[in-house]
Amino acid sequence: MSTPDEVVQAQLGAVAAASAPAPLQPLDLSQARAVEVDAQALLAQLQELTAKAQAREDAANPPPEPADDSLHVDGNAPSYLHDVVAKIEKRLTAAGV
């Protein structure tokens, strides 16, 4: 009777033998021929694929909403704060911000 370690070793050996890659075969280059590649067309195709991938990514991840940077004053704040905020908003409006 075999021990549990021997059983595990046998199973590992069987898995290793089954998953071993086939030996490399040398390439048969006797039928190879020279080919000219249109680099500009290849570049255009690559740019088109890149643009499509970027469009898919942009559609999946829309930009965040702009931050709300408006001034808010609590109704319970002292009146002088309301005056200060009004002055700041007036200056920002005049500056076109």
C-alpha atoms as a PDB file:
ATOM      1  CA  MET A   1       0.000   0.000   0.000  1.00  0.00           C
ATOM      2  CA  SER A   2       1.314   3.444  -0.874  1.00  0.00           C
ATOM      3  CA  THR A   3       1.458   6.393   1.466  1.00  0.00           C
ATOM      4  CA  PRO A   4      -0.534   9.588   0.871  1.00  0.00           C
ATOM      5  CA  ASP A   5       2.679  11.379  -0.125  1.00  0.00           C
ATOM      6  CA  GLU A   6       3.406   8.790  -2.806  1.00  0.00           C
ATOM      7  CA  VAL A   7      -0.147   9.113  -4.140  1.00  0.00           C
ATOM      8  CA  VAL A   8       0.192  12.881  -4.342  1.00  0.00           C
ATOM      9  CA  GLN A   9       3.595  12.565  -6.031  1.00  0.00           C
ATOM     10  CA  ALA A  10       2.122  10.160  -8.589  1.00  0.00           C
ATOM     11  CA  GLN A  11      -0.775  12.527  -9.299  1.00  0.00           C
ATOM     12  CA  LEU A  12       1.585  15.480  -9.693  1.00  0.00           C
ATOM     13  CA  GLY A  13       3.744  13.463 -12.052  1.00  0.00           C
ATOM     14  CA  ALA A  14       0.716  12.534 -14.159  1.00  0.00           C
ATOM     15  CA  VAL A  15      -0.418  16.171 -14.329  1.00  0.00           C
ATOM     16  CA  ALA A  16       3.083  17.342 -15.268  1.00  0.00           C
ATOM     17  CA  ALA A  17       3.323  14.735 -18.017  1.00  0.00           C
ATOM     18  CA  ALA A  18      -0.104  15.641 -19.404  1.00  0.00           C
ATOM     19  CA  SER A  19       0.556  19.375 -19.413  1.00  0.00           C
ATOM     20  CA  ALA A  20       4.087  19.216 -20.803  1.00  0.00           C
ATOM     21  CA  PRO A  21       4.391  21.259 -23.991  1.00  0.00           C
ATOM     22  CA  ALA A  22       5.035  19.486 -27.248  1.00  0.00           C
ATOM     23  CA  PRO A  23       8.644  19.641 -28.406  1.00  0.00           C
ATOM     24  CA  LEU A  24       9.419  22.589 -30.661  1.00  0.00           C
ATOM     25  CA  GLN A  25       9.364  21.919 -34.373  1.00  0.00           C
ATOM     26  CA  PRO A  26      11.776  23.844 -36.569  1.00  0.00           C
ATOM     27  CA  LEU A  27      10.069  26.340 -38.875  1.00  0.00           C
ATOM     28  CA  ASP A  28       9.918  25.426 -42.545  1.00  0.00           C
ATOM     29  CA  LEU A  29      11.004  28.630 -44.267  1.00  0.00           C
ATOM     30  CA  SER A  30      11.239  27.106 -47.739  1.00  0.00           C
ATOM     31  CA  GLN A  31       7.850  28.587 -48.701  1.00  0.00           C
ATOM     32  CA  ALA A  32       8.583  32.016 -47.186  1.00  0.00           C
ATOM     33  CA  ARG A  33       8.484  35.036 -49.444  1.00  0.00           C
ATOM     34  CA  ALA A  34       9.202  38.721 -49.027  1.00  0.00           C
ATOM     35  CA  VAL A  35       6.183  40.927 -48.374  1.00  0.00           C
ATOM     36  CA  GLU A  36       5.898  44.674 -48.620  1.00  0.00           C
ATOM     37  CA  VAL A  37       3.928  46.419 -45.896  1.00  0.00           C
ATOM     38  CA  ASP A  38       2.262  49.785 -46.362  1.00  0.00           C
ATOM     39  CA  ALA A  39       3.413  51.450 -43.159  1.00  0.00           C
ATOM     40  CA  GLN A  40       1.085  54.449 -43.596  1.00  0.00           C
ATOM     41  CA  ALA A  41      -1.983  52.217 -43.995  1.00  0.00           C
ATOM     42  CA  LEU A  42      -0.911  50.142 -41.027  1.00  0.00           C
ATOM     43  CA  LEU A  43      -0.446  53.303 -38.956  1.00  0.00           C
ATOM     44  CA  ALA A  44      -3.868  54.599 -40.019  1.00  0.00           C
ATOM     45  CA  GLN A  45      -5.468  51.292 -39.041  1.00  0.00           C
ATOM     46  CA  LEU A  46      -3.712  51.357 -35.673  1.00  0.00           C
ATOM     47  CA  GLN A  47      -4.837  54.939 -35.035  1.00  0.00           C
ATOM     48  CA  GLU A  48      -8.417  54.027 -35.964  1.00  0.00           C
ATOM     49  CA  LEU A  49      -8.415  51.074 -33.556  1.00  0.00           C
ATOM     50  CA  THR A  50      -6.882  53.231 -30.830  1.00  0.00           C
ATOM     51  CA  ALA A  51      -9.520  55.929 -31.358  1.00  0.00           C
ATOM     52  CA  LYS A  52     -12.319  53.332 -31.162  1.00  0.00           C
ATOM     53  CA  ALA A  53     -10.877  51.876 -27.963  1.00  0.00           C
ATOM     54  CA  GLN A  54     -10.539  55.362 -26.459  1.00  0.00           C
ATOM     55  CA  ALA A  55     -14.141  56.182 -27.424  1.00  0.00           C
ATOM     56  CA  ARG A  56     -15.370  52.979 -25.735  1.00  0.00           C
ATOM     57  CA  GLU A  57     -13.357  53.814 -22.623  1.00  0.00           C
ATOM     58  CA  ASP A  58     -14.646  57.400 -22.552  1.00  0.00           C
ATOM     59  CA  ALA A  59     -18.232  56.181 -22.941  1.00  0.00           C
ATOM     60  CA  ALA A  60     -17.779  53.711 -20.093  1.00  0.00           C
ATOM     61  CA  ASN A  61     -16.114  56.307 -17.837  1.00  0.00           C
ATOM     62  CA  PRO A  62     -17.763  59.709 -18.291  1.00  0.00           C
ATOM     63  CA  PRO A  63     -15.957  62.676 -16.780  1.00  0.00           C
ATOM     64  CA  PRO A  64     -17.126  63.742 -13.332  1.00  0.00           C
ATOM     65  CA  GLU A  65     -19.515  66.622 -12.897  1.00  0.00           C
ATOM     66  CA  PRO A  66     -17.830  69.966 -12.241  1.00  0.00           C
ATOM     67  CA  ALA A  67     -17.411  70.787  -8.603  1.00  0.00           C
ATOM     68  CA  ASP A  68     -19.983  73.058  -6.994  1.00  0.00           C
ATOM     69  CA  ASP A  69     -17.815  75.924  -5.849  1.00  0.00           C
ATOM     70  CA  SER A  70     -20.630  78.390  -5.270  1.00  0.00           C
ATOM     71  CA  LEU A  71     -20.747  80.278  -2.022  1.00  0.00           C
ATOM     72  CA  HIS A  72     -23.359  79.222   0.511  1.00  0.00           C
ATOM     73  CA  VAL A  73     -24.227  81.172   3.607  1.00  0.00           C
ATOM     74  CA  ASP A  74     -26.307  79.695   6.354  1.00  0.00           C
ATOM     75  CA  GLY A  75     -29.452  81.655   7.144  1.00  0.00           C
ATOM     76  CA  ASN A  76     -28.358  81.751  10.768  1.00  0.00           C
ATOM     77  CA  ALA A  77     -25.052  83.447   9.903  1.00  0.00           C
ATOM     78  CA  PRO A  78     -24.504  87.013  11.044  1.00  0.00           C
ATOM     79  CA  SER A  79     -25.596  89.680   8.597  1.00  0.00           C
ATOM     80  CA  TYR A  80     -22.054  90.927   8.006  1.00  0.00           C
ATOM     81  CA  LEU A  81     -21.220  87.525   6.473  1.00  0.00           C
ATOM     82  CA  HIS A  82     -24.101  87.926   4.024  1.00  0.00           C
ATOM     83  CA  ASP A  83     -22.676  91.314   3.048  1.00  0.00           C
ATOM     84  CA  VAL A  84     -19.181  89.854   2.567  1.00  0.00           C
ATOM     85  CA  VAL A  85     -20.513  87.029   0.410  1.00  0.00           C
ATOM     86  CA  ALA A  86     -22.533  89.509  -1.664  1.00  0.00           C
ATOM     87  CA  LYS A  87     -19.393  91.620  -2.237  1.00  0.00           C
ATOM     88  CA  ILE A  88     -17.383  88.555  -3.255  1.00  0.00           C
ATOM     89  CA  GLU A  89     -20.094  87.392  -5.645  1.00  0.00           C
ATOM     90  CA  LYS A  90     -20.302  90.893  -7.148  1.00  0.00           C
ATOM     91  CA  ARG A  91     -16.514  90.943  -7.728  1.00  0.00           C
ATOM     92  CA  LEU A  92     -16.572  87.453  -9.247  1.00  0.00           C
ATOM     93  CA  THR A  93     -19.415  88.397 -11.556  1.00  0.00           C
ATOM     94  CA  ALA A  94     -17.592  91.561 -12.625  1.00  0.00           C
ATOM     95  CA  ALA A  95     -14.436  89.555 -13.287  1.00  0.00           C
ATOM     96  CA  GLY A  96     -16.413  87.082 -15.423  1.00  0.00           C
ATOM     97  CA  VAL A  97     -15.629  84.086 -13.246  1.00  0.00           C
END
